[in-house]
C-alpha atoms as a PDB file:
ATOM      1  CA  MET A   1       0.408 140.754  97.631  1.00  0.00           C
ATOM      2  CA  GLU A   2       2.024 137.332  97.459  1.00  0.00           C
ATOM      3  CA  PRO A   3       0.362 134.732  99.714  1.00  0.00           C
ATOM      4  CA  ALA A   4       2.461 133.578 102.659  1.00  0.00           C
ATOM      5  CA  LEU A   5       4.748 130.700 101.732  1.00  0.00           C
ATOM      6  CA  HIS A   6       3.774 127.457 103.440  1.00  0.00           C
ATOM      7  CA  TYR A   7       6.247 124.723 104.438  1.00  0.00           C
ATOM      8  CA  ALA A   8       4.360 121.977 102.587  1.00  0.00           C
ATOM      9  CA  ASP A   9       4.034 124.071  99.431  1.00  0.00           C
ATOM     10  CA  TYR A  10       7.705 125.053  99.412  1.00  0.00           C
ATOM     11  CA  LEU A  11       8.798 121.402  99.679  1.00  0.00           C
ATOM     12  CA  LYS A  12       5.995 120.178  97.396  1.00  0.00           C
ATOM     13  CA  LEU A  13       5.101 117.555  99.958  1.00  0.00           C
ATOM     14  CA  ASP A  14       1.835 116.777  98.200  1.00  0.00           C
ATOM     15  CA  LEU A  15       3.894 115.370  95.300  1.00  0.00           C
ATOM     16  CA  ILE A  16       6.616 113.729  97.382  1.00  0.00           C
ATOM     17  CA  LEU A  17       4.317 111.960  99.858  1.00  0.00           C
ATOM     18  CA  LYS A  18       2.090 110.601  97.099  1.00  0.00           C
ATOM     19  CA  ALA A  19       5.048 109.169  95.182  1.00  0.00           C
ATOM     20  CA  GLN A  20       5.120 105.848  97.046  1.00  0.00           C
ATOM     21  CA  GLU A  21       2.846 103.561  95.052  1.00  0.00           C
ATOM     22  CA  LEU A  22       3.188  99.953  96.132  1.00  0.00           C
ATOM     23  CA  ARG A  23       3.292  97.576  93.202  1.00  0.00           C
ATOM     24  CA  SER A  24       2.148  94.766  95.468  1.00  0.00           C
ATOM     25  CA  ASP A  25      -1.029  96.713  96.328  1.00  0.00           C
ATOM     26  CA  GLN A  26      -1.757  97.261  92.645  1.00  0.00           C
ATOM     27  CA  LEU A  27      -1.583  93.468  92.243  1.00  0.00           C
ATOM     28  CA  GLN A  28      -3.717  92.975  95.386  1.00  0.00           C
ATOM     29  CA  ALA A  29      -0.894  91.157  97.196  1.00  0.00           C
ATOM     30  CA  HIS A  30       0.152  93.706  99.839  1.00  0.00           C
ATOM     31  CA  ALA A  31       3.797  93.414 100.960  1.00  0.00           C
ATOM     32  CA  HIS A  32       4.507  95.538 104.024  1.00  0.00           C
ATOM     33  CA  ASP A  33       8.239  96.071 103.396  1.00  0.00           C
ATOM     34  CA  GLU A  34       7.762  97.406  99.879  1.00  0.00           C
ATOM     35  CA  MET A  35       7.084 100.848 101.406  1.00  0.00           C
ATOM     36  CA  LEU A  36      10.515 100.803 103.071  1.00  0.00           C
ATOM     37  CA  PHE A  37      12.121  99.645  99.818  1.00  0.00           C
ATOM     38  CA  ILE A  38      10.581 102.522  97.834  1.00  0.00           C
ATOM     39  CA  VAL A  39      11.307 105.230 100.409  1.00  0.00           C
ATOM     40  CA  ILE A  40      14.978 104.231 100.730  1.00  0.00           C
ATOM     41  CA  HIS A  41      15.539 104.150  96.974  1.00  0.00           C
ATOM     42  CA  GLN A  42      13.732 107.450  96.436  1.00  0.00           C
ATOM     43  CA  THR A  43      15.913 108.946  99.158  1.00  0.00           C
ATOM     44  CA  TYR A  44      19.030 107.592  97.422  1.00  0.00           C
ATOM     45  CA  GLU A  45      18.015 109.254  94.165  1.00  0.00           C
ATOM     46  CA  LEU A  46      17.427 112.591  95.914  1.00  0.00           C
ATOM     47  CA  TRP A  47      20.899 112.394  97.452  1.00  0.00           C
ATOM     48  CA  PHE A  48      22.363 111.470  94.062  1.00  0.00           C
ATOM     49  CA  LYS A  49      20.772 114.657  92.712  1.00  0.00           C
ATOM     50  CA  GLN A  50      22.465 116.683  95.455  1.00  0.00           C
ATOM     51  CA  LEU A  51      25.810 114.961  94.814  1.00  0.00           C
ATOM     52  CA  LEU A  52      25.609 115.821  91.111  1.00  0.00           C
ATOM     53  CA  TYR A  53      24.771 119.424  92.031  1.00  0.00           C
ATOM     54  CA  GLU A  54      27.857 119.663  94.256  1.00  0.00           C
ATOM     55  CA  VAL A  55      30.186 117.958  91.752  1.00  0.00           C
ATOM     56  CA  ASP A  56      29.052 120.311  88.980  1.00  0.00           C
ATOM     57  CA  SER A  57      29.761 123.330  91.190  1.00  0.00           C
ATOM     58  CA  VAL A  58      33.277 122.093  92.005  1.00  0.00           C
ATOM     59  CA  LYS A  59      33.988 121.398  88.333  1.00  0.00           C
ATOM     60  CA  ALA A  60      32.823 124.910  87.403  1.00  0.00           C
ATOM     61  CA  ILE A  61      35.410 126.450  89.743  1.00  0.00           C
ATOM     62  CA  LEU A  62      38.224 124.163  88.584  1.00  0.00           C
ATOM     63  CA  GLN A  63      37.447 124.969  84.947  1.00  0.00           C
ATOM     64  CA  LYS A  64      38.466 128.590  85.441  1.00  0.00           C
ATOM     65  CA  PRO A  65      41.735 129.424  83.630  1.00  0.00           C
ATOM     66  CA  SER A  66      43.434 130.291  86.921  1.00  0.00           C
ATOM     67  CA  LEU A  67      42.687 129.384  90.502  1.00  0.00           C
ATOM     68  CA  ASN A  68      44.425 131.145  93.376  1.00  0.00           C
ATOM     69  CA  ASP A  69      45.466 128.423  95.797  1.00  0.00           C
ATOM     70  CA  ASP A  70      45.246 130.864  98.694  1.00  0.00           C
ATOM     71  CA  SER A  71      41.746 132.088  97.810  1.00  0.00           C
ATOM     72  CA  PRO A  72      38.162 131.616  99.049  1.00  0.00           C
ATOM     73  CA  GLU A  73      37.446 129.608  95.889  1.00  0.00           C
ATOM     74  CA  LEU A  74      39.738 126.793  96.967  1.00  0.00           C
ATOM     75  CA  GLN A  75      38.083 126.827 100.376  1.00  0.00           C
ATOM     76  CA  ILE A  76      34.701 126.459  98.641  1.00  0.00           C
ATOM     77  CA  ILE A  77      35.970 123.438  96.689  1.00  0.00           C
ATOM     78  CA  VAL A  78      37.252 121.746  99.843  1.00  0.00           C
ATOM     79  CA  HIS A  79      34.011 122.533 101.694  1.00  0.00           C
ATOM     80  CA  ARG A  80      31.831 121.061  98.949  1.00  0.00           C
ATOM     81  CA  LEU A  81      34.010 117.972  98.567  1.00  0.00           C
ATOM     82  CA  HIS A  82      33.638 117.471 102.316  1.00  0.00           C
ATOM     83  CA  ARG A  83      29.855 117.724 101.883  1.00  0.00           C
ATOM     84  CA  ILE A  84      29.989 115.082  99.128  1.00  0.00           C
ATOM     85  CA  HIS A  85      32.016 112.830 101.433  1.00  0.00           C
ATOM     86  CA  THR A  86      29.511 113.344 104.271  1.00  0.00           C
ATOM     87  CA  ILE A  87      26.514 112.543 102.050  1.00  0.00           C
ATOM     88  CA  LEU A  88      28.204 109.355 100.857  1.00  0.00           C
ATOM     89  CA  LYS A  89      28.730 108.314 104.488  1.00  0.00           C
ATOM     90  CA  LEU A  90      24.998 108.789 105.006  1.00  0.00           C
ATOM     91  CA  LEU A  91      24.241 106.590 101.991  1.00  0.00           C
ATOM     92  CA  VAL A  92      26.347 103.831 103.538  1.00  0.00           C
ATOM     93  CA  GLN A  93      24.437 104.168 106.809  1.00  0.00           C
ATOM     94  CA  GLN A  94      21.103 103.836 104.980  1.00  0.00           C
ATOM     95  CA  ILE A  95      22.019 100.257 104.114  1.00  0.00           C
ATOM     96  CA  GLU A  96      21.538  99.413 107.803  1.00  0.00           C
ATOM     97  CA  VAL A  97      17.904 100.463 107.472  1.00  0.00           C
ATOM     98  CA  MET A  98      17.518  98.346 104.347  1.00  0.00           C
ATOM     99  CA  GLU A  99      18.978  95.375 106.189  1.00  0.00           C
ATOM    100  CA  THR A 100      16.042  95.418 108.618  1.00  0.00           C
ATOM    101  CA  MET A 101      14.165  93.787 105.714  1.00  0.00           C
ATOM    102  CA  SER A 102      14.673  90.026 105.756  1.00  0.00           C
ATOM    103  CA  PRO A 103      15.115  87.894 102.621  1.00  0.00           C
ATOM    104  CA  MET A 104      11.570  86.548 103.088  1.00  0.00           C
ATOM    105  CA  ASP A 105      10.225  90.104 103.403  1.00  0.00           C
ATOM    106  CA  PHE A 106      11.864  90.984 100.097  1.00  0.00           C
ATOM    107  CA  LEU A 107      10.514  87.850  98.389  1.00  0.00           C
ATOM    108  CA  ASP A 108       6.997  89.048  99.195  1.00  0.00           C
ATOM    109  CA  PHE A 109       7.300  91.620  96.392  1.00  0.00           C
ATOM    110  CA  ARG A 110      10.586  90.956  94.553  1.00  0.00           C
ATOM    111  CA  ASP A 111       9.069  89.339  91.469  1.00  0.00           C
ATOM    112  CA  THR A 112       6.687  92.261  90.995  1.00  0.00           C
ATOM    113  CA  LEU A 113       9.679  94.566  90.376  1.00  0.00           C
ATOM    114  CA  ARG A 114      10.984  92.869  87.227  1.00  0.00           C
ATOM    115  CA  PRO A 115      12.650  94.186  85.129  1.00  0.00           C
ATOM    116  CA  ALA A 116      13.140  97.322  87.254  1.00  0.00           C
ATOM    117  CA  SER A 117      16.525  97.354  89.028  1.00  0.00           C
ATOM    118  CA  GLY A 118      18.982  99.614  90.814  1.00  0.00           C
ATOM    119  CA  PHE A 119      21.184  98.837  87.800  1.00  0.00           C
ATOM    120  CA  GLN A 120      18.979 101.373  86.002  1.00  0.00           C
ATOM    121  CA  SER A 121      19.992 104.247  88.304  1.00  0.00           C
ATOM    122  CA  TRP A 122      21.264 106.640  85.643  1.00  0.00           C
ATOM    123  CA  GLN A 123      22.057 109.311  88.241  1.00  0.00           C
ATOM    124  CA  PHE A 124      24.618 107.076  89.964  1.00  0.00           C
ATOM    125  CA  LYS A 125      26.260 106.201  86.636  1.00  0.00           C
ATOM    126  CA  LEU A 126      26.274 109.910  85.762  1.00  0.00           C
ATOM    127  CA  LEU A 127      27.931 110.714  89.101  1.00  0.00           C
ATOM    128  CA  GLU A 128      30.684 108.152  88.449  1.00  0.00           C
ATOM    129  CA  ALA A 129      31.246 109.586  84.956  1.00  0.00           C
ATOM    130  CA  LYS A 130      31.467 113.178  86.199  1.00  0.00           C
ATOM    131  CA  LEU A 131      33.946 112.185  88.903  1.00  0.00           C
ATOM    132  CA  GLY A 132      36.216 110.492  86.384  1.00  0.00           C
ATOM    133  CA  LEU A 133      35.279 106.843  85.834  1.00  0.00           C
ATOM    134  CA  LYS A 134      35.884 106.154  82.142  1.00  0.00           C
ATOM    135  CA  PHE A 135      33.944 103.666  80.021  1.00  0.00           C
ATOM    136  CA  GLU A 136      37.038 101.497  79.489  1.00  0.00           C
ATOM    137  CA  GLN A 137      37.525 101.249  83.265  1.00  0.00           C
ATOM    138  CA  ARG A 138      34.009 100.006  83.951  1.00  0.00           C
ATOM    139  CA  HIS A 139      33.118  96.464  84.925  1.00  0.00           C
ATOM    140  CA  GLY A 140      30.503  94.975  82.615  1.00  0.00           C
ATOM    141  CA  GLN A 141      30.978  97.504  79.812  1.00  0.00           C
ATOM    142  CA  ALA A 142      28.610  95.741  77.446  1.00  0.00           C
ATOM    143  CA  HIS A 143      25.666  96.063  79.817  1.00  0.00           C
ATOM    144  CA  TYR A 144      26.181  99.162  81.927  1.00  0.00           C
ATOM    145  CA  ILE A 145      23.830 101.377  79.861  1.00  0.00           C
ATOM    146  CA  SER A 146      21.874  98.591  78.144  1.00  0.00           C
ATOM    147  CA  GLN A 147      18.809  99.060  80.364  1.00  0.00           C
ATOM    148  CA  LEU A 148      18.718 102.849  80.356  1.00  0.00           C
ATOM    149  CA  ARG A 149      16.389 105.051  78.358  1.00  0.00           C
ATOM    150  CA  GLU A 150      17.760 106.943  75.384  1.00  0.00           C
ATOM    151  CA  THR A 151      17.656 110.308  77.160  1.00  0.00           C
ATOM    152  CA  GLU A 152      19.517 108.842  80.141  1.00  0.00           C
ATOM    153  CA  VAL A 153      22.210 107.328  77.925  1.00  0.00           C
ATOM    154  CA  SER A 154      22.621 110.709  76.228  1.00  0.00           C
ATOM    155  CA  LEU A 155      23.227 112.441  79.579  1.00  0.00           C
ATOM    156  CA  ILE A 156      25.906 109.905  80.537  1.00  0.00           C
ATOM    157  CA  LYS A 157      27.607 110.044  77.123  1.00  0.00           C
ATOM    158  CA  THR A 158      27.704 113.843  77.353  1.00  0.00           C
ATOM    159  CA  ALA A 159      29.312 113.650  80.802  1.00  0.00           C
ATOM    160  CA  GLU A 160      31.902 111.174  79.483  1.00  0.00           C
ATOM    161  CA  SER A 161      32.805 113.572  76.663  1.00  0.00           C
ATOM    162  CA  GLU A 162      33.312 116.537  79.006  1.00  0.00           C
ATOM    163  CA  LYS A 163      36.220 117.230  81.330  1.00  0.00           C
ATOM    164  CA  THR A 164      35.784 115.087  84.426  1.00  0.00           C
ATOM    165  CA  LEU A 165      36.629 116.153  87.966  1.00  0.00           C
ATOM    166  CA  LEU A 166      39.723 113.938  87.801  1.00  0.00           C
ATOM    167  CA  GLU A 167      40.888 115.555  84.551  1.00  0.00           C
ATOM    168  CA  LEU A 168      40.310 119.041  85.965  1.00  0.00           C
ATOM    169  CA  LEU A 169      42.280 118.029  89.053  1.00  0.00           C
ATOM    170  CA  ASN A 170      45.137 116.961  86.781  1.00  0.00           C
ATOM    171  CA  GLY A 171      45.154 120.377  85.105  1.00  0.00           C
ATOM    172  CA  TRP A 172      45.091 122.172  88.459  1.00  0.00           C
ATOM    173  CA  LEU A 173      48.008 120.129  89.767  1.00  0.00           C
ATOM    174  CA  GLU A 174      50.012 120.734  86.596  1.00  0.00           C
ATOM    175  CA  ARG A 175      49.639 124.484  87.140  1.00  0.00           C
ATOM    176  CA  MET A 176      51.145 124.301  90.640  1.00  0.00           C
ATOM    177  CA  PRO A 177      54.375 126.327  90.350  1.00  0.00           C
ATOM    178  CA  PHE A 178      56.482 124.959  93.175  1.00  0.00           C
ATOM    179  CA  LEU A 179      58.596 122.441  91.246  1.00  0.00           C
ATOM    180  CA  LYS A 180      59.240 124.417  88.095  1.00  0.00           C
ATOM    181  CA  ASP A 181      62.247 126.545  89.074  1.00  0.00           C
ATOM    182  CA  ASN A 182      64.292 124.518  91.554  1.00  0.00           C
ATOM    183  CA  ASP A 183      66.364 121.379  91.832  1.00  0.00           C
ATOM    184  CA  PHE A 184      64.157 119.732  94.477  1.00  0.00           C
ATOM    185  CA  TRP A 185      63.114 116.691  92.457  1.00  0.00           C
ATOM    186  CA  PRO A 186      66.463 114.992  91.693  1.00  0.00           C
ATOM    187  CA  GLY A 187      67.436 115.275  95.353  1.00  0.00           C
ATOM    188  CA  TYR A 188      64.140 113.817  96.544  1.00  0.00           C
ATOM    189  CA  ARG A 189      64.427 110.920  94.109  1.00  0.00           C
ATOM    190  CA  LYS A 190      67.833 110.062  95.560  1.00  0.00           C
ATOM    191  CA  LEU A 191      66.540 110.230  99.160  1.00  0.00           C
ATOM    192  CA  TYR A 192      63.559 108.051  98.294  1.00  0.00           C
ATOM    193  CA  ARG A 193      65.709 105.373  96.684  1.00  0.00           C
ATOM    194  CA  GLU A 194      67.961 105.352  99.751  1.00  0.00           C
ATOM    195  CA  SER A 195      64.919 104.886 102.021  1.00  0.00           C
ATOM    196  CA  LEU A 196      63.850 101.623 100.356  1.00  0.00           C
ATOM    197  CA  SER A 197      64.515  98.295 101.998  1.00  0.00           C
ATOM    198  CA  GLU A 198      65.912  95.393  99.980  1.00  0.00           C
ATOM    199  CA  VAL A 199      62.460  93.923  99.378  1.00  0.00           C
ATOM    200  CA  GLU A 200      61.173  97.327  98.163  1.00  0.00           C
ATOM    201  CA  LYS A 201      63.827  97.992  95.529  1.00  0.00           C
ATOM    202  CA  GLY A 202      61.269  97.490  92.773  1.00  0.00           C
ATOM    203  CA  HIS A 203      59.636 100.724  93.884  1.00  0.00           C
ATOM    204  CA  ALA A 204      62.587 102.634  92.460  1.00  0.00           C
ATOM    205  CA  VAL A 205      61.414 101.668  88.963  1.00  0.00           C
ATOM    206  CA  LEU A 206      57.815 102.462  89.876  1.00  0.00           C
ATOM    207  CA  PHE A 207      58.934 105.897  91.078  1.00  0.00           C
ATOM    208  CA  ASP A 208      60.280 106.766  87.635  1.00  0.00           C
ATOM    209  CA  THR A 209      57.195 105.300  85.952  1.00  0.00           C
ATOM    210  CA  VAL A 210      54.936 107.618  87.930  1.00  0.00           C
ATOM    211  CA  PHE A 211      57.045 110.798  88.076  1.00  0.00           C
ATOM    212  CA  SER A 212      59.228 110.796  84.949  1.00  0.00           C
ATOM    213  CA  GLU A 213      57.980 112.363  81.726  1.00  0.00           C
ATOM    214  CA  GLU A 214      60.145 109.987  79.689  1.00  0.00           C
ATOM    215  CA  ASN A 215      59.173 106.752  81.436  1.00  0.00           C
ATOM    216  CA  GLY A 216      55.526 107.494  82.193  1.00  0.00           C
ATOM    217  CA  ALA A 217      53.048 104.620  81.947  1.00  0.00           C
ATOM    218  CA  PRO A 218      50.293 104.857  79.292  1.00  0.00           C
ATOM    219  CA  GLY A 219      46.692 104.922  80.417  1.00  0.00           C
ATOM    220  CA  ARG A 220      47.274 106.957  83.553  1.00  0.00           C
ATOM    221  CA  SER A 221      44.821 109.718  84.484  1.00  0.00           C
ATOM    222  CA  LEU A 222      47.393 111.920  86.220  1.00  0.00           C
ATOM    223  CA  SER A 223      50.433 113.179  84.341  1.00  0.00           C
ATOM    224  CA  ALA A 224      53.946 112.960  85.759  1.00  0.00           C
ATOM    225  CA  ALA A 225      53.892 116.717  86.447  1.00  0.00           C
ATOM    226  CA  ALA A 226      50.570 116.426  88.296  1.00  0.00           C
ATOM    227  CA  CYS A 227      51.895 113.501  90.358  1.00  0.00           C
ATOM    228  CA  ARG A 228      55.010 115.479  91.318  1.00  0.00           C
ATOM    229  CA  ALA A 229      52.837 118.383  92.463  1.00  0.00           C
ATOM    230  CA  GLY A 230      50.520 116.032  94.375  1.00  0.00           C
ATOM    231  CA  LEU A 231      53.415 114.389  96.198  1.00  0.00           C
ATOM    232  CA  PHE A 232      54.938 117.795  97.009  1.00  0.00           C
ATOM    233  CA  ILE A 233      51.606 118.840  98.575  1.00  0.00           C
ATOM    234  CA  MET A 234      51.500 115.659 100.677  1.00  0.00           C
ATOM    235  CA  ILE A 235      55.102 116.082 101.828  1.00  0.00           C
ATOM    236  CA  TYR A 236      54.869 119.753 102.821  1.00  0.00           C
ATOM    237  CA  GLN A 237      51.188 119.878 103.816  1.00  0.00           C
ATOM    238  CA  GLY A 238      52.055 121.818 106.988  1.00  0.00           C
ATOM    239  CA  TYR A 239      52.967 124.993 105.082  1.00  0.00           C
ATOM    240  CA  PRO A 240      50.056 127.486 105.001  1.00  0.00           C
ATOM    241  CA  ILE A 241      49.565 127.688 101.251  1.00  0.00           C
ATOM    242  CA  LEU A 242      49.548 123.891 100.926  1.00  0.00           C
ATOM    243  CA  GLN A 243      47.026 123.143 103.650  1.00  0.00           C
ATOM    244  CA  LEU A 244      43.937 123.654 101.466  1.00  0.00           C
ATOM    245  CA  PRO A 245      45.445 121.769  98.492  1.00  0.00           C
ATOM    246  CA  PHE A 246      46.218 118.877 100.848  1.00  0.00           C
ATOM    247  CA  GLN A 247      42.664 118.908 102.203  1.00  0.00           C
ATOM    248  CA  LEU A 248      41.370 118.843  98.622  1.00  0.00           C
ATOM    249  CA  LEU A 249      43.396 115.722  97.794  1.00  0.00           C
ATOM    250  CA  ASN A 250      42.418 114.117 101.083  1.00  0.00           C
ATOM    251  CA  GLN A 251      38.713 114.721 100.483  1.00  0.00           C
ATOM    252  CA  LEU A 252      38.950 113.007  97.094  1.00  0.00           C
ATOM    253  CA  LEU A 253      40.474 109.966  98.791  1.00  0.00           C
ATOM    254  CA  GLU A 254      37.670 110.042 101.365  1.00  0.00           C
ATOM    255  CA  ILE A 255      35.095 110.156  98.552  1.00  0.00           C
ATOM    256  CA  ASP A 256      36.671 107.122  96.851  1.00  0.00           C
ATOM    257  CA  GLU A 257      36.731 105.288 100.181  1.00  0.00           C
ATOM    258  CA  GLN A 258      33.051 105.963 100.843  1.00  0.00           C
ATOM    259  CA  LEU A 259      32.064 104.902  97.323  1.00  0.00           C
ATOM    260  CA  SER A 260      34.033 101.696  97.838  1.00  0.00           C
ATOM    261  CA  THR A 261      32.459 101.155 101.265  1.00  0.00           C
ATOM    262  CA  TRP A 262      28.990 101.660  99.782  1.00  0.00           C
ATOM    263  CA  ARG A 263      29.692  99.112  97.043  1.00  0.00           C
ATOM    264  CA  TYR A 264      31.064  96.643  99.603  1.00  0.00           C
ATOM    265  CA  ARG A 265      28.054  96.974 101.921  1.00  0.00           C
ATOM    266  CA  HIS A 266      25.653  96.845  98.990  1.00  0.00           C
ATOM    267  CA  MET A 267      27.308  93.694  97.649  1.00  0.00           C
ATOM    268  CA  HIS A 268      26.997  91.887 100.987  1.00  0.00           C
ATOM    269  CA  MET A 269      23.432  93.063 101.501  1.00  0.00           C
ATOM    270  CA  VAL A 270      22.486  91.662  98.086  1.00  0.00           C
ATOM    271  CA  HIS A 271      24.269  88.364  98.813  1.00  0.00           C
ATOM    272  CA  ARG A 272      22.532  88.084 102.161  1.00  0.00           C
ATOM    273  CA  THR A 273      19.142  88.863 100.607  1.00  0.00           C
ATOM    274  CA  ILE A 274      19.112  86.902  97.323  1.00  0.00           C
ATOM    275  CA  GLY A 275      22.231  84.736  97.567  1.00  0.00           C
ATOM    276  CA  THR A 276      23.614  83.973  94.116  1.00  0.00           C
ATOM    277  CA  ARG A 277      20.367  84.588  92.230  1.00  0.00           C
ATOM    278  CA  ILE A 278      20.171  86.912  89.221  1.00  0.00           C
ATOM    279  CA  GLY A 279      19.190  90.526  89.926  1.00  0.00           C
ATOM    280  CA  THR A 280      15.717  91.754  88.966  1.00  0.00           C
ATOM    281  CA  GLY A 281      17.262  93.699  86.088  1.00  0.00           C
ATOM    282  CA  GLY A 282      19.137  90.665  84.772  1.00  0.00           C
ATOM    283  CA  SER A 283      22.579  91.436  86.208  1.00  0.00           C
ATOM    284  CA  THR A 284      24.595  88.716  87.911  1.00  0.00           C
ATOM    285  CA  GLY A 285      23.765  90.206  91.306  1.00  0.00           C
ATOM    286  CA  ARG A 286      26.556  89.796  93.842  1.00  0.00           C
ATOM    287  CA  SER A 287      29.077  88.794  91.168  1.00  0.00           C
ATOM    288  CA  TYR A 288      28.506  92.026  89.221  1.00  0.00           C
ATOM    289  CA  LEU A 289      28.735  94.156  92.370  1.00  0.00           C
ATOM    290  CA  GLN A 290      32.000  92.456  93.359  1.00  0.00           C
ATOM    291  CA  GLY A 291      33.437  93.369  89.962  1.00  0.00           C
ATOM    292  CA  THR A 292      32.562  97.046  90.410  1.00  0.00           C
ATOM    293  CA  LEU A 293      34.064  96.994  93.897  1.00  0.00           C
ATOM    294  CA  GLU A 294      37.400  95.806  92.523  1.00  0.00           C
ATOM    295  CA  LYS A 295      37.552  98.065  89.439  1.00  0.00           C
ATOM    296  CA  HIS A 296      35.691 101.306  90.121  1.00  0.00           C
ATOM    297  CA  PHE A 297      38.306 103.239  92.100  1.00  0.00           C
ATOM    298  CA  ILE A 298      38.438 106.740  90.638  1.00  0.00           C
ATOM    299  CA  PHE A 299      41.196 108.500  92.580  1.00  0.00           C
ATOM    300  CA  HIS A 300      43.518 105.527  93.093  1.00  0.00           C
ATOM    301  CA  GLU A 301      46.453 107.360  91.487  1.00  0.00           C
ATOM    302  CA  ILE A 302      46.279 109.952  94.261  1.00  0.00           C
ATOM    303  CA  ALA A 303      46.259 107.191  96.864  1.00  0.00           C
ATOM    304  CA  GLN A 304      49.294 105.622  95.170  1.00  0.00           C
ATOM    305  CA  LEU A 305      51.347 108.765  95.875  1.00  0.00           C
ATOM    306  CA  THR A 306      51.631 107.772  99.532  1.00  0.00           C
ATOM    307  CA  SER A 307      53.907 104.938  98.355  1.00  0.00           C
ATOM    308  CA  PHE A 308      56.591 107.558  97.696  1.00  0.00           C
ATOM    309  CA  LEU A 309      56.673 109.394 101.028  1.00  0.00           C
ATOM    310  CA  ILE A 310      59.774 109.408 103.223  1.00  0.00           C
ATOM    311  CA  GLU A 311      60.193 110.231 106.899  1.00  0.00           C
ATOM    312  CA  ARG A 312      59.872 113.896 107.906  1.00  0.00           C
ATOM    313  CA  LYS A 313      63.336 113.939 109.435  1.00  0.00           C
ATOM    314  CA  LYS A 314      64.831 112.941 106.063  1.00  0.00           C
ATOM    315  CA  LEU A 315      62.943 115.481 103.945  1.00  0.00           C
ATOM    316  CA  PRO A 316      64.981 117.993 101.946  1.00  0.00           C
ATOM    317  CA  LYS A 317      65.097 121.386 103.622  1.00  0.00           C
ATOM    318  CA  LEU A 318      63.489 124.045 101.453  1.00  0.00           C
ATOM    319  CA  ASP A 319      65.402 127.188 100.611  1.00  0.00           C
ATOM    320  CA  ARG A 320      64.324 130.599 101.912  1.00  0.00           C
ATOM    321  CA  LYS A 321      62.782 131.618  98.609  1.00  0.00           C
ATOM    322  CA  MET A 322      60.581 128.529  98.535  1.00  0.00           C
ATOM    323  CA  GLU A 323      59.588 128.934 102.185  1.00  0.00           C
ATOM    324  CA  ARG A 324      58.509 132.503 101.513  1.00  0.00           C
ATOM    325  CA  ARG A 325      56.350 131.305  98.612  1.00  0.00           C
ATOM    326  CA  LEU A 326      54.749 128.694 100.841  1.00  0.00           C
ATOM    327  CA  GLY A 327      53.965 131.193 103.557  1.00  0.00           C
ATOM    328  CA  PHE A 328      56.647 130.759 106.217  1.00  0.00           C
ATOM    329  CA  SER A 329      58.626 133.958 106.066  1.00  0.00           C
ATOM    330  CA  SER A 330      60.101 135.853 108.987  1.00  0.00           C
ATOM    331  CA  GLU A 331      60.989 138.808 106.786  1.00  0.00           C
END
């Protein structure tokens, strides 16, 4: 008979609770706040592991050749993206705990950490790669994997070679059928152009750059067809079959916002703690973090779609056939 499972054994607490070895104690220069520093960073890495687990599960569903947009699978995707968003909010909140450590508290053990650095967090870099951040979009390309171990670099390179969440999203949006067999788009383009004020007339050109196959801009992650589908979802989000797709897009924007918020709070915490000094891993500290804050937006092309919305009262009325497809049918 199997022995009864014990809480501590199931969670392997004997390993977890012995994993906080203070470097300052090893050097016989005890620094009280090093325990807090280790616990917070270990907690971050555990949450990164969970985030990777959730992202991989979402990608696995989106990789299927067909995905019913009115199915439990889409609900699962939205639910797990919401979980990712919620975890990221928690990571932002953890910075408040870190900020209870003063600059002098950190100096008590900072030099003992060299050359270890949060810059060496391969799980966070892997998460960014799986979501859709490409090498050419990264700030500090020459150094971003320079301090990682060979096995860690291999994991990130593999993720960069696979379909990212953003690329899978593009494929899913391209498969959306609603704009393939109707004359909706030319009419909407006309209404949008008419809605622009004099100072916004340049957006008419931008509209064609984003949504036209002929005039599309190079280097974009979302195709013109995917952008048209994404905008259609945003416009008619109230129809039953589009509610989950809209929530999916909205959760991706929430994830990008929380990642940006985390970078912003992290940047200011670092500036407050070490000023303009070089990071323990050799990065430029605050300056490097500011660069990632400005460049590392993953789902910005989804956010850009809101530039092309018009007022509800001016929206084209859908025909009966389209309304039946979207779920509002009285027949």
